Amino acid sequence: MRKAGVNYTPIVFEEVDPTFAAYQEGRCEGVTSDRSQLVSRRSILPNPDDHVILDVVMSKEPLAPAVKNNDSQWFDTVKWVIYGLIEAEELGVNSKNIDQFTNSTDPVVKRLLGQEGTLGQDMGLPNDFMVRVIKKVGNYGEIYDRNLGESSPFKLERGQNDTWQKGGLMYAPPFR
C-alpha cells in the first residue's frame, strides 16, 4: 500500500474466518488473500456479484501441498504426482484420451505413463501410477477447471496457474 501511496489502517486477524466476518459486517472495506480463497469466500457472501476481486497480484505467495516432515516417500509421491499432472497437461494427455497414448513412441509420454524407466517403482508405487491418477482425476488443467475454473461456480481464470506454453508459470521437470 505504501508503494501505491494509499493511506489505510490495517485490521489484522490471526485466522481467516474472523477476517472475512469483519469484511462481511462492513468493519473493513477490503480483504487480501490468494485468488482461490477470495473467489470461494465471495461465493458464500450475500450478493456475491456485489464484491469485486481485483485483477492485481499484490504479493508472490504460491500455494503448494504440505506434507509431514521426515516422510520422504510421501513427499516424493505428492511431488511427482503434481509434476505428472502438469506434464500430462503439457503433453495433451487427459482423462478422456489417455488410452490413446498407450501406444505412443514418444519417450516423454512413455515415461509419464510408466512404460519406460522405474520412477514409480523407485518410490514404491506401480510404474503406471500416473495413468491411474490421470484416469481418476484428470490432468492439472482438468482439476483446475473442475474446482476453480470454467466448470466450477468460481470461473477463476488460470492466469499464472496455466502452463508455461500458455503464458503461465506451471511446468514440470523431466519425468524421470
C-alpha atoms as a PDB file:
ATOM      1  CA  MET A   1       0.000   0.000   0.000  1.00  0.00           C
ATOM      2  CA  ARG A   2       2.933   2.324   0.719  1.00  0.00           C
ATOM      3  CA  LYS A   3       4.286   1.684  -2.746  1.00  0.00           C
ATOM      4  CA  ALA A   4       0.944   2.715  -4.259  1.00  0.00           C
ATOM      5  CA  GLY A   5       0.712   5.759  -1.982  1.00  0.00           C
ATOM      6  CA  VAL A   6      -2.514   4.577  -0.369  1.00  0.00           C
ATOM      7  CA  ASN A   7      -3.325   5.508   3.203  1.00  0.00           C
ATOM      8  CA  TYR A   8      -5.042   2.753   5.146  1.00  0.00           C
ATOM      9  CA  THR A   9      -5.483   1.311   8.596  1.00  0.00           C
ATOM     10  CA  PRO A  10      -4.859  -2.436   8.643  1.00  0.00           C
ATOM     11  CA  ILE A  11      -7.138  -4.713  10.607  1.00  0.00           C
ATOM     12  CA  VAL A  12      -5.283  -7.950  11.234  1.00  0.00           C
ATOM     13  CA  PHE A  13      -6.677 -11.284  12.342  1.00  0.00           C
ATOM     14  CA  GLU A  14      -4.816 -14.492  13.056  1.00  0.00           C
ATOM     15  CA  GLU A  15      -7.460 -16.666  11.405  1.00  0.00           C
ATOM     16  CA  VAL A  16      -9.362 -16.435   8.152  1.00  0.00           C
ATOM     17  CA  ASP A  17     -12.960 -16.725   9.432  1.00  0.00           C
ATOM     18  CA  PRO A  18     -12.839 -13.563  11.592  1.00  0.00           C
ATOM     19  CA  THR A  19     -11.150 -11.748   8.681  1.00  0.00           C
ATOM     20  CA  PHE A  20     -13.993 -12.444   6.302  1.00  0.00           C
ATOM     21  CA  ALA A  21     -16.585 -11.861   9.026  1.00  0.00           C
ATOM     22  CA  ALA A  22     -15.168  -8.356   9.542  1.00  0.00           C
ATOM     23  CA  TYR A  23     -15.414  -7.711   5.806  1.00  0.00           C
ATOM     24  CA  GLN A  24     -18.976  -9.033   5.592  1.00  0.00           C
ATOM     25  CA  GLU A  25     -20.000  -6.925   8.590  1.00  0.00           C
ATOM     26  CA  GLY A  26     -18.579  -3.789   6.946  1.00  0.00           C
ATOM     27  CA  ARG A  27     -15.832  -3.277   9.538  1.00  0.00           C
ATOM     28  CA  CYS A  28     -13.319  -3.087   6.700  1.00  0.00           C
ATOM     29  CA  GLU A  29     -13.516  -2.146   3.031  1.00  0.00           C
ATOM     30  CA  GLY A  30     -11.424  -4.913   1.550  1.00  0.00           C
ATOM     31  CA  VAL A  31      -9.665  -8.213   2.171  1.00  0.00           C
ATOM     32  CA  THR A  32      -6.468  -9.611   0.722  1.00  0.00           C
ATOM     33  CA  SER A  33      -5.777 -13.269   0.190  1.00  0.00           C
ATOM     34  CA  ASP A  34      -4.925 -15.643  -2.623  1.00  0.00           C
ATOM     35  CA  ARG A  35      -7.398 -15.551  -5.519  1.00  0.00           C
ATOM     36  CA  SER A  36      -8.736 -19.065  -4.905  1.00  0.00           C
ATOM     37  CA  GLN A  37      -9.698 -18.183  -1.344  1.00  0.00           C
ATOM     38  CA  LEU A  38     -11.207 -14.887  -2.449  1.00  0.00           C
ATOM     39  CA  VAL A  39     -13.452 -16.484  -5.089  1.00  0.00           C
ATOM     40  CA  SER A  40     -14.566 -19.272  -2.757  1.00  0.00           C
ATOM     41  CA  ARG A  41     -15.322 -16.870   0.097  1.00  0.00           C
ATOM     42  CA  ARG A  42     -17.096 -14.435  -2.230  1.00  0.00           C
ATOM     43  CA  SER A  43     -19.396 -17.257  -3.362  1.00  0.00           C
ATOM     44  CA  ILE A  44     -20.884 -17.579   0.136  1.00  0.00           C
ATOM     45  CA  LEU A  45     -21.361 -13.854   0.748  1.00  0.00           C
ATOM     46  CA  PRO A  46     -24.834 -12.378   0.335  1.00  0.00           C
ATOM     47  CA  ASN A  47     -24.989 -10.921  -3.198  1.00  0.00           C
ATOM     48  CA  PRO A  48     -21.617 -12.327  -4.367  1.00  0.00           C
ATOM     49  CA  ASP A  49     -21.673 -10.220  -7.536  1.00  0.00           C
ATOM     50  CA  ASP A  50     -21.523  -7.054  -5.408  1.00  0.00           C
ATOM     51  CA  HIS A  51     -17.949  -7.937  -4.421  1.00  0.00           C
ATOM     52  CA  VAL A  52     -15.099  -7.360  -6.859  1.00  0.00           C
ATOM     53  CA  ILE A  53     -11.889  -9.350  -6.962  1.00  0.00           C
ATOM     54  CA  LEU A  54      -9.186  -7.126  -8.368  1.00  0.00           C
ATOM     55  CA  ASP A  55      -7.079  -8.442 -11.203  1.00  0.00           C
ATOM     56  CA  VAL A  56      -3.925  -7.392  -9.379  1.00  0.00           C
ATOM     57  CA  VAL A  57      -1.317  -9.628  -7.812  1.00  0.00           C
ATOM     58  CA  MET A  58      -0.175  -7.861  -4.668  1.00  0.00           C
ATOM     59  CA  SER A  59       2.339 -10.420  -3.477  1.00  0.00           C
ATOM     60  CA  LYS A  60       4.019 -13.604  -4.586  1.00  0.00           C
ATOM     61  CA  GLU A  61       2.739 -16.310  -2.304  1.00  0.00           C
ATOM     62  CA  PRO A  62       2.390 -19.550  -4.226  1.00  0.00           C
ATOM     63  CA  LEU A  63       0.232 -22.286  -2.757  1.00  0.00           C
ATOM     64  CA  ALA A  64       1.501 -25.822  -2.605  1.00  0.00           C
ATOM     65  CA  PRO A  65       0.659 -29.027  -0.819  1.00  0.00           C
ATOM     66  CA  ALA A  66       2.264 -29.634   2.540  1.00  0.00           C
ATOM     67  CA  VAL A  67       3.308 -32.986   3.894  1.00  0.00           C
ATOM     68  CA  LYS A  68       4.531 -34.155   7.265  1.00  0.00           C
ATOM     69  CA  ASN A  69       8.234 -33.576   7.779  1.00  0.00           C
ATOM     70  CA  ASN A  70      10.528 -36.620   7.668  1.00  0.00           C
ATOM     71  CA  ASP A  71       8.279 -38.658   5.356  1.00  0.00           C
ATOM     72  CA  SER A  72      10.360 -38.530   2.209  1.00  0.00           C
ATOM     73  CA  GLN A  73       8.441 -41.319   0.458  1.00  0.00           C
ATOM     74  CA  TRP A  74       5.127 -39.457   0.799  1.00  0.00           C
ATOM     75  CA  PHE A  75       6.801 -36.170  -0.136  1.00  0.00           C
ATOM     76  CA  ASP A  76       8.239 -37.745  -3.307  1.00  0.00           C
ATOM     77  CA  THR A  77       4.868 -39.252  -4.193  1.00  0.00           C
ATOM     78  CA  VAL A  78       2.990 -35.969  -3.795  1.00  0.00           C
ATOM     79  CA  LYS A  79       5.684 -34.042  -5.677  1.00  0.00           C
ATOM     80  CA  TRP A  80       5.805 -36.455  -8.635  1.00  0.00           C
ATOM     81  CA  VAL A  81       2.017 -36.724  -8.879  1.00  0.00           C
ATOM     82  CA  ILE A  82       1.841 -32.939  -9.198  1.00  0.00           C
ATOM     83  CA  TYR A  83       4.660 -32.927 -11.753  1.00  0.00           C
ATOM     84  CA  GLY A  84       2.878 -35.702 -13.633  1.00  0.00           C
ATOM     85  CA  LEU A  85      -0.417 -33.798 -13.682  1.00  0.00           C
ATOM     86  CA  ILE A  86       1.335 -30.767 -15.157  1.00  0.00           C
ATOM     87  CA  GLU A  87       3.345 -32.888 -17.610  1.00  0.00           C
ATOM     88  CA  ALA A  88       0.161 -34.618 -18.760  1.00  0.00           C
ATOM     89  CA  GLU A  89      -1.458 -31.262 -19.496  1.00  0.00           C
ATOM     90  CA  GLU A  90       1.654 -30.081 -21.353  1.00  0.00           C
ATOM     91  CA  LEU A  91       1.504 -33.237 -23.499  1.00  0.00           C
ATOM     92  CA  GLY A  92      -2.249 -33.067 -24.091  1.00  0.00           C
ATOM     93  CA  VAL A  93      -2.908 -36.231 -22.098  1.00  0.00           C
ATOM     94  CA  ASN A  94      -6.182 -36.121 -20.170  1.00  0.00           C
ATOM     95  CA  SER A  95      -8.697 -38.426 -18.503  1.00  0.00           C
ATOM     96  CA  LYS A  96     -10.686 -38.873 -21.705  1.00  0.00           C
ATOM     97  CA  ASN A  97      -7.848 -39.575 -24.154  1.00  0.00           C
ATOM     98  CA  ILE A  98      -5.176 -41.274 -22.037  1.00  0.00           C
ATOM     99  CA  ASP A  99      -5.811 -44.695 -23.578  1.00  0.00           C
ATOM    100  CA  GLN A 100      -4.918 -43.250 -26.997  1.00  0.00           C
ATOM    101  CA  PHE A 101      -1.411 -42.521 -25.703  1.00  0.00           C
ATOM    102  CA  THR A 102      -0.610 -46.077 -24.586  1.00  0.00           C
ATOM    103  CA  ASN A 103       0.987 -46.904 -27.958  1.00  0.00           C
ATOM    104  CA  SER A 104       2.968 -43.682 -28.189  1.00  0.00           C
ATOM    105  CA  THR A 105       6.588 -43.916 -29.259  1.00  0.00           C
ATOM    106  CA  ASP A 106       7.409 -40.551 -27.647  1.00  0.00           C
ATOM    107  CA  PRO A 107       9.854 -41.290 -24.795  1.00  0.00           C
ATOM    108  CA  VAL A 108       8.436 -38.412 -22.728  1.00  0.00           C
ATOM    109  CA  VAL A 109       4.932 -39.872 -22.938  1.00  0.00           C
ATOM    110  CA  LYS A 110       6.239 -43.368 -22.251  1.00  0.00           C
ATOM    111  CA  ARG A 111       7.998 -42.189 -19.069  1.00  0.00           C
ATOM    112  CA  LEU A 112       4.866 -40.353 -17.893  1.00  0.00           C
ATOM    113  CA  LEU A 113       2.757 -43.470 -18.404  1.00  0.00           C
ATOM    114  CA  GLY A 114       5.342 -45.694 -16.693  1.00  0.00           C
ATOM    115  CA  GLN A 115       6.199 -47.660 -19.829  1.00  0.00           C
ATOM    116  CA  GLU A 116       9.861 -46.627 -19.569  1.00  0.00           C
ATOM    117  CA  GLY A 117      12.001 -46.016 -16.514  1.00  0.00           C
ATOM    118  CA  THR A 118      11.415 -47.022 -12.931  1.00  0.00           C
ATOM    119  CA  LEU A 119      10.247 -43.803 -11.276  1.00  0.00           C
ATOM    120  CA  GLY A 120       7.114 -45.366  -9.782  1.00  0.00           C
ATOM    121  CA  GLN A 121       8.933 -48.480  -8.677  1.00  0.00           C
ATOM    122  CA  ASP A 122      11.697 -46.367  -7.119  1.00  0.00           C
ATOM    123  CA  MET A 123       9.053 -44.654  -4.960  1.00  0.00           C
ATOM    124  CA  GLY A 124       7.339 -47.904  -4.005  1.00  0.00           C
ATOM    125  CA  LEU A 125       4.481 -47.341  -6.446  1.00  0.00           C
ATOM    126  CA  PRO A 126       3.383 -49.127  -9.589  1.00  0.00           C
ATOM    127  CA  ASN A 127       5.196 -47.691 -12.619  1.00  0.00           C
ATOM    128  CA  ASP A 128       1.827 -46.731 -14.141  1.00  0.00           C
ATOM    129  CA  PHE A 129       0.832 -44.636 -11.097  1.00  0.00           C
ATOM    130  CA  MET A 130       0.248 -41.570 -13.277  1.00  0.00           C
ATOM    131  CA  VAL A 131      -2.068 -43.487 -15.609  1.00  0.00           C
ATOM    132  CA  ARG A 132      -4.181 -44.338 -12.569  1.00  0.00           C
ATOM    133  CA  VAL A 133      -4.143 -40.744 -11.291  1.00  0.00           C
ATOM    134  CA  ILE A 134      -5.000 -39.179 -14.660  1.00  0.00           C
ATOM    135  CA  LYS A 135      -7.830 -41.649 -15.319  1.00  0.00           C
ATOM    136  CA  LYS A 136      -9.358 -40.892 -11.907  1.00  0.00           C
ATOM    137  CA  VAL A 137      -8.930 -37.100 -11.598  1.00  0.00           C
ATOM    138  CA  GLY A 138      -7.587 -35.798 -14.927  1.00  0.00           C
ATOM    139  CA  ASN A 139      -4.534 -33.676 -15.648  1.00  0.00           C
ATOM    140  CA  TYR A 140      -3.706 -30.411 -13.864  1.00  0.00           C
ATOM    141  CA  GLY A 141      -5.915 -28.382 -16.213  1.00  0.00           C
ATOM    142  CA  GLU A 142      -8.896 -30.670 -15.743  1.00  0.00           C
ATOM    143  CA  ILE A 143      -8.544 -30.482 -11.962  1.00  0.00           C
ATOM    144  CA  TYR A 144      -8.205 -26.691 -12.041  1.00  0.00           C
ATOM    145  CA  ASP A 145     -11.150 -26.276 -14.390  1.00  0.00           C
ATOM    146  CA  ARG A 146     -13.397 -28.529 -12.306  1.00  0.00           C
ATOM    147  CA  ASN A 147     -12.531 -26.939  -8.944  1.00  0.00           C
ATOM    148  CA  LEU A 148     -11.750 -23.288  -9.706  1.00  0.00           C
ATOM    149  CA  GLY A 149     -12.124 -22.633 -13.438  1.00  0.00           C
ATOM    150  CA  GLU A 150     -14.803 -22.601 -16.108  1.00  0.00           C
ATOM    151  CA  SER A 151     -16.594 -25.772 -14.956  1.00  0.00           C
ATOM    152  CA  SER A 152     -16.765 -24.577 -11.356  1.00  0.00           C
ATOM    153  CA  PRO A 153     -19.036 -21.982  -9.784  1.00  0.00           C
ATOM    154  CA  PHE A 154     -15.974 -19.717  -9.387  1.00  0.00           C
ATOM    155  CA  LYS A 155     -14.960 -19.299 -13.064  1.00  0.00           C
ATOM    156  CA  LEU A 156     -11.437 -18.257 -11.976  1.00  0.00           C
ATOM    157  CA  GLU A 157      -9.146 -17.709 -14.949  1.00  0.00           C
ATOM    158  CA  ARG A 158      -5.943 -19.726 -14.960  1.00  0.00           C
ATOM    159  CA  GLY A 159      -3.547 -16.785 -15.265  1.00  0.00           C
ATOM    160  CA  GLN A 160      -0.237 -17.763 -13.671  1.00  0.00           C
ATOM    161  CA  ASN A 161      -1.687 -21.221 -12.960  1.00  0.00           C
ATOM    162  CA  ASP A 162      -1.624 -22.010 -16.663  1.00  0.00           C
ATOM    163  CA  THR A 163       1.170 -23.958 -18.303  1.00  0.00           C
ATOM    164  CA  TRP A 164       4.277 -22.142 -19.468  1.00  0.00           C
ATOM    165  CA  GLN A 165       3.246 -22.745 -23.101  1.00  0.00           C
ATOM    166  CA  LYS A 166       0.133 -20.624 -22.485  1.00  0.00           C
ATOM    167  CA  GLY A 167       1.848 -17.799 -20.598  1.00  0.00           C
ATOM    168  CA  GLY A 168       1.548 -19.251 -17.111  1.00  0.00           C
ATOM    169  CA  LEU A 169       4.179 -20.374 -14.638  1.00  0.00           C
ATOM    170  CA  MET A 170       3.352 -24.076 -14.452  1.00  0.00           C
ATOM    171  CA  TYR A 171       5.913 -26.537 -15.763  1.00  0.00           C
ATOM    172  CA  ALA A 172       7.223 -29.913 -14.740  1.00  0.00           C
ATOM    173  CA  PRO A 173      10.809 -31.130 -14.684  1.00  0.00           C
ATOM    174  CA  PRO A 174      11.650 -34.140 -16.859  1.00  0.00           C
ATOM    175  CA  PHE A 175       9.571 -37.091 -15.675  1.00  0.00           C
ATOM    176  CA  ARG A 176      12.358 -39.477 -14.653  1.00  0.00           C
END
